[in-house]
Amino acid sequence: METINEEAQTEEIKPIEEKTDWKRFVLDILETIVLAVVLFVGINTLSARVRVDGYSMRPTLEDGEFVLVSKLSYFWGDVTRGDIVVFHFPLNPEEELIKRVIGLPGDRVMVENGQVYVNGQAISEPYIAQSPLYLGEWLVEENHLFVLGDNRNNSNDSKDWGLMPMENLVGKAVLIYWPPPMWNLLDHADVVAAQ
């Protein structure tokens, strides 16, 4: 009897070479890039991110906070008194400001004796830093808004430069998202008659 052929025993087993499918790899990268671009464009179409510069909205918003803005809020609903809005500054459209809506088209806004009145009714404003120390009266024209900062005496707003055209609206501020300890939904308090 013959022994097992030595040749068969010593036959080397060659490792299977993994072939890299470069076409699939490139396609995966392209799909990822296209998805990222679609998400970026979609998110920027629906929302904006704004950094608060200054103290005009104190105590509601602090300098350096980042706010998420819904650009679609006013496609489905109307602007209401008390909304915190972001808009292109009428005197410099490259600049965006954030303020609170006090007067709507047709409203008469008056400030006297430290109190804001809308259409003859004093309004309750628990969100302001302190009562206004100025006087004035404004009639809000069609397609315009009257906006004020919550830090009434340290805010450059409608009392200084006039009414804000509605076409300048970017959207409604909805959320503080940075810094993380300050995460918070923004309170769009209804501006109502004082009790």
N, C-alpha and C. Protein backbone atom coordinates (compact mmCIF):
# COMPACT_ATOMS: atom_id res chain seq x y z
N MET A 1 0.81 -1.17 0.00
CA MET A 1 0.00 0.00 0.00
C MET A 1 0.87 1.25 0.00
N GLU A 2 0.39 2.15 -0.80
CA GLU A 2 1.14 3.39 -0.89
C GLU A 2 0.58 4.41 0.10
N THR A 3 1.43 5.25 0.56
CA THR A 3 1.01 6.31 1.47
C THR A 3 0.38 7.45 0.67
N ILE A 4 -0.25 8.27 1.39
CA ILE A 4 -0.92 9.42 0.73
C ILE A 4 0.12 10.25 0.02
N ASN A 5 -0.25 10.63 -1.11
CA ASN A 5 0.65 11.40 -1.95
C ASN A 5 1.13 12.64 -1.21
N GLU A 6 2.44 12.76 -1.11
CA GLU A 6 3.02 13.91 -0.40
C GLU A 6 2.67 15.22 -1.08
N GLU A 7 2.49 15.14 -2.39
CA GLU A 7 2.20 16.35 -3.15
C GLU A 7 0.87 16.96 -2.72
N ALA A 8 -0.10 16.10 -2.47
CA ALA A 8 -1.40 16.59 -2.04
C ALA A 8 -1.33 17.19 -0.66
N GLN A 9 -0.46 16.58 0.20
CA GLN A 9 -0.35 17.09 1.57
C GLN A 9 0.34 18.44 1.64
N THR A 10 1.30 18.62 0.77
CA THR A 10 2.08 19.85 0.84
C THR A 10 1.49 20.98 0.00
N GLU A 11 0.35 20.70 -0.63
CA GLU A 11 -0.27 21.73 -1.45
C GLU A 11 -0.64 22.93 -0.57
N GLU A 12 -0.18 24.05 -0.97
CA GLU A 12 -0.43 25.24 -0.17
C GLU A 12 -1.83 25.79 -0.43
N ILE A 13 -2.44 26.24 0.63
CA ILE A 13 -3.75 26.88 0.51
C ILE A 13 -3.50 28.37 0.38
N LYS A 14 -3.88 28.92 -0.75
CA LYS A 14 -3.68 30.35 -1.00
C LYS A 14 -4.84 31.14 -0.41
N PRO A 15 -4.56 32.23 0.34
CA PRO A 15 -5.64 33.03 0.89
C PRO A 15 -6.44 33.67 -0.23
N ILE A 16 -7.75 33.77 -0.01
CA ILE A 16 -8.63 34.39 -0.98
C ILE A 16 -8.43 35.90 -0.89
N GLU A 17 -8.08 36.50 -1.97
CA GLU A 17 -7.86 37.94 -1.98
C GLU A 17 -9.20 38.65 -2.04
N GLU A 18 -9.37 39.60 -1.10
CA GLU A 18 -10.59 40.39 -1.12
C GLU A 18 -10.44 41.49 -2.15
N LYS A 19 -11.35 41.49 -3.05
CA LYS A 19 -11.30 42.52 -4.08
C LYS A 19 -12.14 43.71 -3.59
N THR A 20 -11.53 44.87 -3.61
CA THR A 20 -12.24 46.08 -3.23
C THR A 20 -13.03 46.56 -4.43
N ASP A 21 -14.30 46.75 -4.21
CA ASP A 21 -15.16 47.23 -5.29
C ASP A 21 -15.14 48.76 -5.25
N TRP A 22 -14.21 49.36 -5.95
CA TRP A 22 -14.03 50.80 -5.93
C TRP A 22 -15.24 51.55 -6.45
N LYS A 23 -15.93 50.95 -7.38
CA LYS A 23 -17.12 51.61 -7.91
C LYS A 23 -18.17 51.76 -6.81
N ARG A 24 -18.36 50.72 -6.03
CA ARG A 24 -19.35 50.77 -4.95
C ARG A 24 -18.93 51.79 -3.88
N PHE A 25 -17.63 51.84 -3.58
CA PHE A 25 -17.10 52.77 -2.60
C PHE A 25 -17.36 54.22 -3.04
N VAL A 26 -17.05 54.53 -4.30
CA VAL A 26 -17.28 55.88 -4.82
C VAL A 26 -18.76 56.21 -4.82
N LEU A 27 -19.60 55.24 -5.19
CA LEU A 27 -21.05 55.46 -5.19
C LEU A 27 -21.56 55.75 -3.77
N ASP A 28 -21.05 55.02 -2.78
CA ASP A 28 -21.44 55.27 -1.38
C ASP A 28 -21.07 56.68 -0.94
N ILE A 29 -19.88 57.13 -1.32
CA ILE A 29 -19.45 58.48 -0.96
C ILE A 29 -20.35 59.52 -1.65
N LEU A 30 -20.64 59.33 -2.92
CA LEU A 30 -21.51 60.26 -3.63
C LEU A 30 -22.91 60.30 -3.02
N GLU A 31 -23.46 59.15 -2.64
CA GLU A 31 -24.78 59.11 -2.00
C GLU A 31 -24.76 59.88 -0.69
N THR A 32 -23.69 59.71 0.08
CA THR A 32 -23.57 60.42 1.36
C THR A 32 -23.50 61.93 1.15
N ILE A 33 -22.73 62.36 0.17
CA ILE A 33 -22.61 63.80 -0.11
C ILE A 33 -23.95 64.37 -0.57
N VAL A 34 -24.64 63.68 -1.47
CA VAL A 34 -25.94 64.15 -1.96
C VAL A 34 -26.94 64.24 -0.81
N LEU A 35 -26.97 63.21 0.06
CA LEU A 35 -27.87 63.23 1.21
C LEU A 35 -27.56 64.40 2.13
N ALA A 36 -26.27 64.66 2.38
CA ALA A 36 -25.88 65.77 3.25
C ALA A 36 -26.32 67.10 2.65
N VAL A 37 -26.16 67.27 1.34
CA VAL A 37 -26.57 68.52 0.69
C VAL A 37 -28.08 68.69 0.76
N VAL A 38 -28.83 67.61 0.50
CA VAL A 38 -30.30 67.68 0.57
C VAL A 38 -30.75 68.04 1.98
N LEU A 39 -30.15 67.42 2.99
CA LEU A 39 -30.51 67.74 4.39
C LEU A 39 -30.15 69.19 4.72
N PHE A 40 -28.98 69.64 4.32
CA PHE A 40 -28.55 71.01 4.59
C PHE A 40 -29.52 72.01 3.96
N VAL A 41 -29.85 71.82 2.69
CA VAL A 41 -30.77 72.73 2.00
C VAL A 41 -32.16 72.67 2.64
N GLY A 42 -32.62 71.47 2.95
CA GLY A 42 -33.94 71.31 3.57
C GLY A 42 -34.03 71.99 4.92
N ILE A 43 -33.01 71.78 5.76
CA ILE A 43 -33.01 72.38 7.09
C ILE A 43 -32.94 73.90 6.99
N ASN A 44 -32.12 74.42 6.06
CA ASN A 44 -32.00 75.88 5.91
C ASN A 44 -33.23 76.50 5.27
N THR A 45 -34.01 75.72 4.55
CA THR A 45 -35.25 76.23 3.98
C THR A 45 -36.31 76.37 5.06
N LEU A 46 -36.31 75.45 6.02
CA LEU A 46 -37.33 75.42 7.06
C LEU A 46 -36.96 76.24 8.29
N SER A 47 -35.66 76.42 8.53
CA SER A 47 -35.25 77.07 9.77
C SER A 47 -34.01 77.93 9.56
N ALA A 48 -33.73 78.73 10.57
CA ALA A 48 -32.50 79.54 10.59
C ALA A 48 -31.94 79.45 12.00
N ARG A 49 -30.68 79.70 12.11
CA ARG A 49 -30.04 79.76 13.41
C ARG A 49 -29.48 81.16 13.58
N VAL A 50 -29.78 81.77 14.71
CA VAL A 50 -29.40 83.17 14.94
C VAL A 50 -28.68 83.27 16.27
N ARG A 51 -27.59 84.05 16.27
CA ARG A 51 -26.86 84.33 17.50
C ARG A 51 -27.36 85.66 18.05
N VAL A 52 -27.68 85.67 19.33
CA VAL A 52 -28.14 86.90 19.99
C VAL A 52 -26.91 87.76 20.28
N ASP A 53 -26.89 88.97 19.74
CA ASP A 53 -25.80 89.91 19.98
C ASP A 53 -26.34 91.09 20.76
N GLY A 54 -25.93 91.21 22.00
CA GLY A 54 -26.36 92.33 22.82
C GLY A 54 -27.39 91.92 23.86
N TYR A 55 -27.92 92.93 24.54
CA TYR A 55 -28.79 92.70 25.69
C TYR A 55 -30.19 93.27 25.51
N SER A 56 -30.60 93.53 24.28
CA SER A 56 -31.90 94.18 24.05
C SER A 56 -33.09 93.28 24.38
N MET A 57 -32.88 91.96 24.45
CA MET A 57 -33.99 91.05 24.76
C MET A 57 -33.88 90.45 26.15
N ARG A 58 -33.02 91.03 26.98
CA ARG A 58 -32.86 90.55 28.35
C ARG A 58 -34.10 90.87 29.15
N PRO A 59 -34.65 90.04 29.97
CA PRO A 59 -34.10 88.80 30.50
C PRO A 59 -34.48 87.55 29.69
N THR A 60 -35.26 87.69 28.63
CA THR A 60 -35.69 86.52 27.86
C THR A 60 -34.52 85.86 27.15
N LEU A 61 -33.68 86.66 26.52
CA LEU A 61 -32.51 86.16 25.79
C LEU A 61 -31.27 86.89 26.24
N GLU A 62 -30.17 86.14 26.35
CA GLU A 62 -28.91 86.71 26.78
C GLU A 62 -27.93 86.80 25.62
N ASP A 63 -26.99 87.71 25.71
CA ASP A 63 -25.94 87.87 24.71
C ASP A 63 -25.20 86.54 24.52
N GLY A 64 -25.00 86.15 23.28
CA GLY A 64 -24.25 84.95 22.97
C GLY A 64 -25.07 83.67 22.83
N GLU A 65 -26.34 83.72 23.18
CA GLU A 65 -27.18 82.53 23.01
C GLU A 65 -27.50 82.33 21.53
N PHE A 66 -27.69 81.08 21.15
CA PHE A 66 -28.10 80.75 19.79
C PHE A 66 -29.55 80.30 19.80
N VAL A 67 -30.31 80.80 18.84
CA VAL A 67 -31.74 80.57 18.79
C VAL A 67 -32.11 79.91 17.46
N LEU A 68 -32.99 78.91 17.53
CA LEU A 68 -33.53 78.28 16.34
C LEU A 68 -34.78 79.03 15.92
N VAL A 69 -34.87 79.36 14.64
CA VAL A 69 -35.97 80.17 14.10
C VAL A 69 -36.75 79.35 13.08
N SER A 70 -38.06 79.29 13.24
CA SER A 70 -38.93 78.61 12.29
C SER A 70 -39.31 79.58 11.18
N LYS A 71 -38.87 79.27 9.95
CA LYS A 71 -39.21 80.13 8.81
C LYS A 71 -40.63 79.88 8.31
N LEU A 72 -41.22 78.75 8.70
CA LEU A 72 -42.54 78.40 8.19
C LEU A 72 -43.69 78.82 9.10
N SER A 73 -43.40 79.31 10.27
CA SER A 73 -44.45 79.64 11.24
C SER A 73 -45.54 80.53 10.66
N TYR A 74 -45.14 81.50 9.85
CA TYR A 74 -46.12 82.46 9.37
C TYR A 74 -46.69 82.11 8.00
N PHE A 75 -46.30 80.94 7.46
CA PHE A 75 -46.99 80.42 6.28
C PHE A 75 -48.30 79.79 6.71
N TRP A 76 -48.32 79.21 7.92
CA TRP A 76 -49.50 78.51 8.43
C TRP A 76 -50.31 79.33 9.41
N GLY A 77 -49.71 80.35 9.97
CA GLY A 77 -50.42 81.15 10.96
C GLY A 77 -50.04 82.61 10.86
N ASP A 78 -50.75 83.41 11.60
CA ASP A 78 -50.52 84.85 11.58
C ASP A 78 -49.57 85.25 12.70
N VAL A 79 -48.94 86.37 12.52
CA VAL A 79 -48.14 86.96 13.59
C VAL A 79 -49.09 87.39 14.69
N THR A 80 -48.72 87.13 15.93
CA THR A 80 -49.56 87.58 17.06
C THR A 80 -48.72 88.44 17.99
N ARG A 81 -49.41 89.28 18.75
CA ARG A 81 -48.72 90.09 19.75
C ARG A 81 -48.04 89.14 20.75
N GLY A 82 -46.81 89.46 21.08
CA GLY A 82 -46.05 88.63 22.01
C GLY A 82 -45.07 87.69 21.33
N ASP A 83 -45.22 87.47 20.02
CA ASP A 83 -44.28 86.62 19.29
C ASP A 83 -42.89 87.23 19.33
N ILE A 84 -41.89 86.37 19.50
CA ILE A 84 -40.50 86.80 19.38
C ILE A 84 -40.08 86.48 17.95
N VAL A 85 -39.72 87.51 17.21
CA VAL A 85 -39.45 87.34 15.78
C VAL A 85 -38.03 87.79 15.42
N VAL A 86 -37.53 87.17 14.36
CA VAL A 86 -36.26 87.58 13.76
C VAL A 86 -36.61 88.21 12.42
N PHE A 87 -35.94 89.32 12.12
CA PHE A 87 -36.25 90.05 10.88
C PHE A 87 -35.01 90.78 10.39
N HIS A 88 -35.05 91.15 9.11
CA HIS A 88 -33.99 91.96 8.53
C HIS A 88 -34.23 93.40 8.97
N PHE A 89 -33.22 94.01 9.57
CA PHE A 89 -33.30 95.38 10.07
C PHE A 89 -33.65 96.32 8.91
N PRO A 90 -34.74 97.08 9.02
CA PRO A 90 -35.15 97.95 7.91
C PRO A 90 -34.08 98.94 7.45
N LEU A 91 -33.23 99.42 8.36
CA LEU A 91 -32.21 100.39 7.98
C LEU A 91 -30.94 99.75 7.43
N ASN A 92 -30.79 98.43 7.63
CA ASN A 92 -29.64 97.68 7.11
C ASN A 92 -30.07 96.23 6.92
N PRO A 93 -30.64 95.89 5.76
CA PRO A 93 -31.19 94.56 5.53
C PRO A 93 -30.19 93.41 5.68
N GLU A 94 -28.89 93.71 5.69
CA GLU A 94 -27.88 92.66 5.90
C GLU A 94 -27.86 92.20 7.36
N GLU A 95 -28.37 93.03 8.24
CA GLU A 95 -28.36 92.74 9.68
C GLU A 95 -29.71 92.15 10.10
N GLU A 96 -29.66 91.13 10.96
CA GLU A 96 -30.89 90.54 11.48
C GLU A 96 -31.03 90.90 12.96
N LEU A 97 -32.26 91.27 13.35
CA LEU A 97 -32.55 91.61 14.74
C LEU A 97 -33.59 90.64 15.28
N ILE A 98 -33.67 90.57 16.60
CA ILE A 98 -34.68 89.75 17.27
C ILE A 98 -35.39 90.63 18.30
N LYS A 99 -36.71 90.69 18.19
CA LYS A 99 -37.52 91.54 19.07
C LYS A 99 -38.87 90.88 19.31
N ARG A 100 -39.67 91.48 20.18
CA ARG A 100 -41.02 90.98 20.48
C ARG A 100 -42.07 91.86 19.79
N VAL A 101 -43.06 91.23 19.18
CA VAL A 101 -44.14 91.95 18.50
C VAL A 101 -45.08 92.53 19.56
N ILE A 102 -45.31 93.83 19.48
CA ILE A 102 -46.22 94.51 20.40
C ILE A 102 -47.46 95.01 19.65
N GLY A 103 -47.26 95.55 18.44
CA GLY A 103 -48.37 96.09 17.68
C GLY A 103 -48.51 95.44 16.32
N LEU A 104 -49.77 95.15 15.95
CA LEU A 104 -50.11 94.57 14.66
C LEU A 104 -50.70 95.65 13.76
N PRO A 105 -50.85 95.39 12.46
CA PRO A 105 -51.43 96.40 11.57
C PRO A 105 -52.77 96.93 12.09
N GLY A 106 -52.88 98.25 12.11
CA GLY A 106 -54.10 98.90 12.58
C GLY A 106 -54.07 99.26 14.06
N ASP A 107 -53.12 98.73 14.82
CA ASP A 107 -53.02 99.02 16.26
C ASP A 107 -52.45 100.41 16.50
N ARG A 108 -52.86 100.98 17.62
CA ARG A 108 -52.28 102.23 18.10
C ARG A 108 -51.50 101.87 19.37
N VAL A 109 -50.18 102.08 19.33
CA VAL A 109 -49.32 101.76 20.47
C VAL A 109 -48.91 103.07 21.12
N MET A 110 -49.04 103.12 22.44
CA MET A 110 -48.67 104.32 23.18
C MET A 110 -47.87 103.90 24.41
N VAL A 111 -46.84 104.67 24.71
CA VAL A 111 -46.05 104.44 25.92
C VAL A 111 -46.07 105.73 26.73
N GLU A 112 -46.55 105.62 27.97
CA GLU A 112 -46.52 106.76 28.89
C GLU A 112 -46.57 106.26 30.32
N ASN A 113 -45.95 107.01 31.21
CA ASN A 113 -45.90 106.68 32.64
C ASN A 113 -45.41 105.25 32.89
N GLY A 114 -44.42 104.82 32.09
CA GLY A 114 -43.82 103.50 32.30
C GLY A 114 -44.71 102.34 31.89
N GLN A 115 -45.74 102.59 31.11
CA GLN A 115 -46.70 101.55 30.72
C GLN A 115 -46.89 101.58 29.20
N VAL A 116 -47.02 100.37 28.60
CA VAL A 116 -47.30 100.27 27.17
C VAL A 116 -48.80 100.02 27.02
N TYR A 117 -49.41 100.76 26.11
CA TYR A 117 -50.84 100.62 25.82
C TYR A 117 -51.00 100.22 24.35
N VAL A 118 -51.90 99.28 24.10
CA VAL A 118 -52.24 98.90 22.73
C VAL A 118 -53.74 99.14 22.58
N ASN A 119 -54.09 100.01 21.65
CA ASN A 119 -55.49 100.38 21.41
C ASN A 119 -56.19 100.85 22.69
N GLY A 120 -55.46 101.63 23.48
CA GLY A 120 -56.01 102.22 24.70
C GLY A 120 -55.99 101.31 25.92
N GLN A 121 -55.58 100.07 25.77
CA GLN A 121 -55.54 99.12 26.89
C GLN A 121 -54.10 98.92 27.36
N ALA A 122 -53.87 99.11 28.67
CA ALA A 122 -52.55 98.81 29.23
C ALA A 122 -52.31 97.31 29.10
N ILE A 123 -51.09 96.93 28.71
CA ILE A 123 -50.80 95.50 28.55
C ILE A 123 -49.92 95.01 29.70
N SER A 124 -50.11 93.76 30.05
CA SER A 124 -49.32 93.11 31.10
C SER A 124 -48.08 92.52 30.44
N GLU A 125 -46.91 92.87 30.96
CA GLU A 125 -45.66 92.41 30.37
C GLU A 125 -44.71 91.87 31.44
N PRO A 126 -44.94 90.64 31.91
CA PRO A 126 -44.09 90.07 32.95
C PRO A 126 -42.69 89.73 32.46
N TYR A 127 -42.46 89.77 31.16
CA TYR A 127 -41.19 89.36 30.57
C TYR A 127 -40.18 90.49 30.43
N ILE A 128 -40.54 91.75 30.72
CA ILE A 128 -39.61 92.87 30.49
C ILE A 128 -38.64 93.04 31.65
N ALA A 129 -37.48 93.65 31.35
CA ALA A 129 -36.46 93.91 32.36
C ALA A 129 -36.91 95.01 33.32
N GLN A 130 -37.44 96.09 32.78
CA GLN A 130 -37.98 97.18 33.60
C GLN A 130 -38.93 98.01 32.75
N SER A 131 -39.75 98.77 33.39
CA SER A 131 -40.74 99.59 32.68
C SER A 131 -40.04 100.61 31.80
N PRO A 132 -40.64 100.93 30.66
CA PRO A 132 -40.02 101.92 29.76
C PRO A 132 -39.96 103.31 30.39
N LEU A 133 -38.85 103.98 30.15
CA LEU A 133 -38.64 105.33 30.68
C LEU A 133 -38.81 106.38 29.58
N TYR A 134 -39.52 106.06 28.53
CA TYR A 134 -39.70 106.97 27.41
C TYR A 134 -41.19 107.12 27.11
N LEU A 135 -41.52 108.07 26.27
CA LEU A 135 -42.90 108.34 25.87
C LEU A 135 -42.99 108.26 24.35
N GLY A 136 -44.18 107.97 23.87
CA GLY A 136 -44.37 107.99 22.43
C GLY A 136 -45.69 107.37 22.04
N GLU A 137 -46.09 107.63 20.79
CA GLU A 137 -47.32 107.06 20.26
C GLU A 137 -47.09 106.73 18.79
N TRP A 138 -47.55 105.54 18.37
CA TRP A 138 -47.34 105.07 17.02
C TRP A 138 -48.61 104.41 16.49
N LEU A 139 -48.93 104.64 15.24
CA LEU A 139 -50.02 103.96 14.57
C LEU A 139 -49.38 102.95 13.62
N VAL A 140 -49.72 101.67 13.79
CA VAL A 140 -49.10 100.62 12.99
C VAL A 140 -49.82 100.53 11.65
N GLU A 141 -49.08 100.78 10.58
CA GLU A 141 -49.63 100.76 9.22
C GLU A 141 -49.85 99.34 8.73
N GLU A 142 -50.62 99.23 7.66
CA GLU A 142 -50.86 97.94 7.02
C GLU A 142 -49.53 97.30 6.61
N ASN A 143 -49.41 95.98 6.78
CA ASN A 143 -48.22 95.21 6.43
C ASN A 143 -46.97 95.62 7.20
N HIS A 144 -47.16 96.14 8.40
CA HIS A 144 -46.05 96.50 9.27
C HIS A 144 -46.32 95.97 10.68
N LEU A 145 -45.26 95.91 11.48
CA LEU A 145 -45.36 95.51 12.89
C LEU A 145 -44.63 96.54 13.74
N PHE A 146 -45.06 96.64 14.98
CA PHE A 146 -44.35 97.46 15.96
C PHE A 146 -43.67 96.48 16.91
N VAL A 147 -42.34 96.53 16.99
CA VAL A 147 -41.57 95.57 17.78
C VAL A 147 -40.73 96.29 18.82
N LEU A 148 -40.61 95.68 19.99
CA LEU A 148 -39.79 96.22 21.07
C LEU A 148 -38.93 95.11 21.66
N GLY A 149 -37.76 95.48 22.17
CA GLY A 149 -36.94 94.54 22.91
C GLY A 149 -37.47 94.41 24.33
N ASP A 150 -37.26 93.26 24.96
CA ASP A 150 -37.73 93.07 26.34
C ASP A 150 -36.96 93.93 27.33
N ASN A 151 -35.74 94.32 26.98
CA ASN A 151 -34.96 95.23 27.81
C ASN A 151 -35.27 96.65 27.29
N ARG A 152 -36.49 97.09 27.59
CA ARG A 152 -37.09 98.27 26.96
C ARG A 152 -36.20 99.51 26.91
N ASN A 153 -35.44 99.77 27.94
CA ASN A 153 -34.67 101.01 28.00
C ASN A 153 -33.28 100.86 27.37
N ASN A 154 -32.94 99.68 26.93
CA ASN A 154 -31.64 99.43 26.30
C ASN A 154 -31.82 98.62 25.02
N SER A 155 -32.77 99.03 24.21
CA SER A 155 -33.06 98.32 22.98
C SER A 155 -33.26 99.30 21.83
N ASN A 156 -32.62 99.00 20.71
CA ASN A 156 -32.82 99.77 19.49
C ASN A 156 -33.95 99.07 18.73
N ASP A 157 -35.14 99.68 18.73
CA ASP A 157 -36.32 98.99 18.19
C ASP A 157 -37.27 99.97 17.52
N SER A 158 -38.53 99.60 17.37
CA SER A 158 -39.49 100.45 16.65
C SER A 158 -39.65 101.84 17.24
N LYS A 159 -39.43 102.01 18.51
CA LYS A 159 -39.52 103.35 19.11
C LYS A 159 -38.44 104.27 18.55
N ASP A 160 -37.33 103.68 18.08
CA ASP A 160 -36.20 104.46 17.58
C ASP A 160 -36.22 104.62 16.06
N TRP A 161 -36.48 103.56 15.33
CA TRP A 161 -36.38 103.60 13.86
C TRP A 161 -37.70 103.37 13.13
N GLY A 162 -38.78 103.19 13.86
CA GLY A 162 -40.09 103.10 13.22
C GLY A 162 -40.60 101.68 13.05
N LEU A 163 -41.59 101.54 12.21
CA LEU A 163 -42.27 100.26 12.02
C LEU A 163 -41.42 99.28 11.21
N MET A 164 -41.67 97.99 11.45
CA MET A 164 -40.94 96.94 10.75
C MET A 164 -41.84 96.34 9.67
N PRO A 165 -41.43 96.43 8.39
CA PRO A 165 -42.24 95.84 7.31
C PRO A 165 -42.33 94.32 7.46
N MET A 166 -43.53 93.77 7.29
CA MET A 166 -43.72 92.32 7.43
C MET A 166 -42.88 91.54 6.43
N GLU A 167 -42.58 92.14 5.29
CA GLU A 167 -41.77 91.46 4.28
C GLU A 167 -40.35 91.20 4.78
N ASN A 168 -39.94 91.87 5.86
CA ASN A 168 -38.61 91.68 6.43
C ASN A 168 -38.54 90.50 7.40
N LEU A 169 -39.69 89.91 7.73
CA LEU A 169 -39.70 88.79 8.67
C LEU A 169 -38.88 87.61 8.15
N VAL A 170 -38.03 87.06 9.02
CA VAL A 170 -37.32 85.82 8.72
C VAL A 170 -38.13 84.66 9.29
N GLY A 171 -38.60 84.83 10.53
CA GLY A 171 -39.41 83.78 11.14
C GLY A 171 -39.59 84.00 12.63
N LYS A 172 -40.17 83.00 13.26
CA LYS A 172 -40.49 83.04 14.69
C LYS A 172 -39.42 82.28 15.47
N ALA A 173 -38.83 82.93 16.46
CA ALA A 173 -37.83 82.28 17.31
C ALA A 173 -38.55 81.26 18.20
N VAL A 174 -38.04 80.02 18.23
CA VAL A 174 -38.75 78.98 18.96
C VAL A 174 -37.95 78.33 20.06
N LEU A 175 -36.62 78.34 19.97
CA LEU A 175 -35.83 77.52 20.90
C LEU A 175 -34.44 78.09 21.08
N ILE A 176 -34.00 78.16 22.34
CA ILE A 176 -32.59 78.46 22.62
C ILE A 176 -31.88 77.11 22.59
N TYR A 177 -30.89 76.95 21.71
CA TYR A 177 -30.22 75.66 21.63
C TYR A 177 -28.75 75.70 22.04
N TRP A 178 -28.21 76.87 22.32
CA TRP A 178 -26.83 76.95 22.76
C TRP A 178 -26.66 78.17 23.62
N PRO A 179 -25.96 78.09 24.72
CA PRO A 179 -25.23 76.94 25.27
C PRO A 179 -26.19 75.93 25.91
N PRO A 180 -25.75 74.66 25.98
CA PRO A 180 -26.64 73.59 26.47
C PRO A 180 -27.33 73.84 27.80
N PRO A 181 -26.68 74.46 28.80
CA PRO A 181 -27.42 74.68 30.05
C PRO A 181 -28.63 75.61 29.89
N MET A 182 -28.66 76.38 28.79
CA MET A 182 -29.75 77.33 28.58
C MET A 182 -30.83 76.81 27.64
N TRP A 183 -30.73 75.53 27.22
CA TRP A 183 -31.75 74.97 26.31
C TRP A 183 -33.13 75.30 26.85
N ASN A 184 -33.98 75.84 25.99
CA ASN A 184 -35.30 76.22 26.47
C ASN A 184 -36.18 76.61 25.29
N LEU A 185 -37.45 76.21 25.36
CA LEU A 185 -38.42 76.72 24.39
C LEU A 185 -38.73 78.17 24.77
N LEU A 186 -38.86 79.02 23.79
CA LEU A 186 -39.13 80.43 24.07
C LEU A 186 -40.61 80.64 24.36
N ASP A 187 -40.87 81.48 25.34
CA ASP A 187 -42.24 81.79 25.74
C ASP A 187 -42.72 82.98 24.91
N HIS A 188 -43.68 82.71 24.06
CA HIS A 188 -44.29 83.77 23.25
C HIS A 188 -45.55 84.22 23.98
N ALA A 189 -45.33 84.93 25.07
CA ALA A 189 -46.43 85.36 25.93
C ALA A 189 -47.41 86.21 25.15
N ASP A 190 -48.66 85.92 25.34
CA ASP A 190 -49.68 86.76 24.73
C ASP A 190 -49.63 88.13 25.37
N VAL A 191 -49.61 89.15 24.54
CA VAL A 191 -49.66 90.51 25.05
C VAL A 191 -51.12 90.82 25.30
N VAL A 192 -51.48 90.86 26.59
CA VAL A 192 -52.88 91.03 26.95
C VAL A 192 -53.06 92.26 27.83
N ALA A 193 -54.29 92.67 27.93
CA ALA A 193 -54.61 93.83 28.78
C ALA A 193 -54.24 93.54 30.22
N ALA A 194 -53.67 94.53 30.87
CA ALA A 194 -53.29 94.38 32.29
C ALA A 194 -54.54 94.24 33.15
N GLN A 195 -54.44 93.49 34.21
CA GLN A 195 -55.58 93.28 35.12
C GLN A 195 -55.54 94.27 36.25
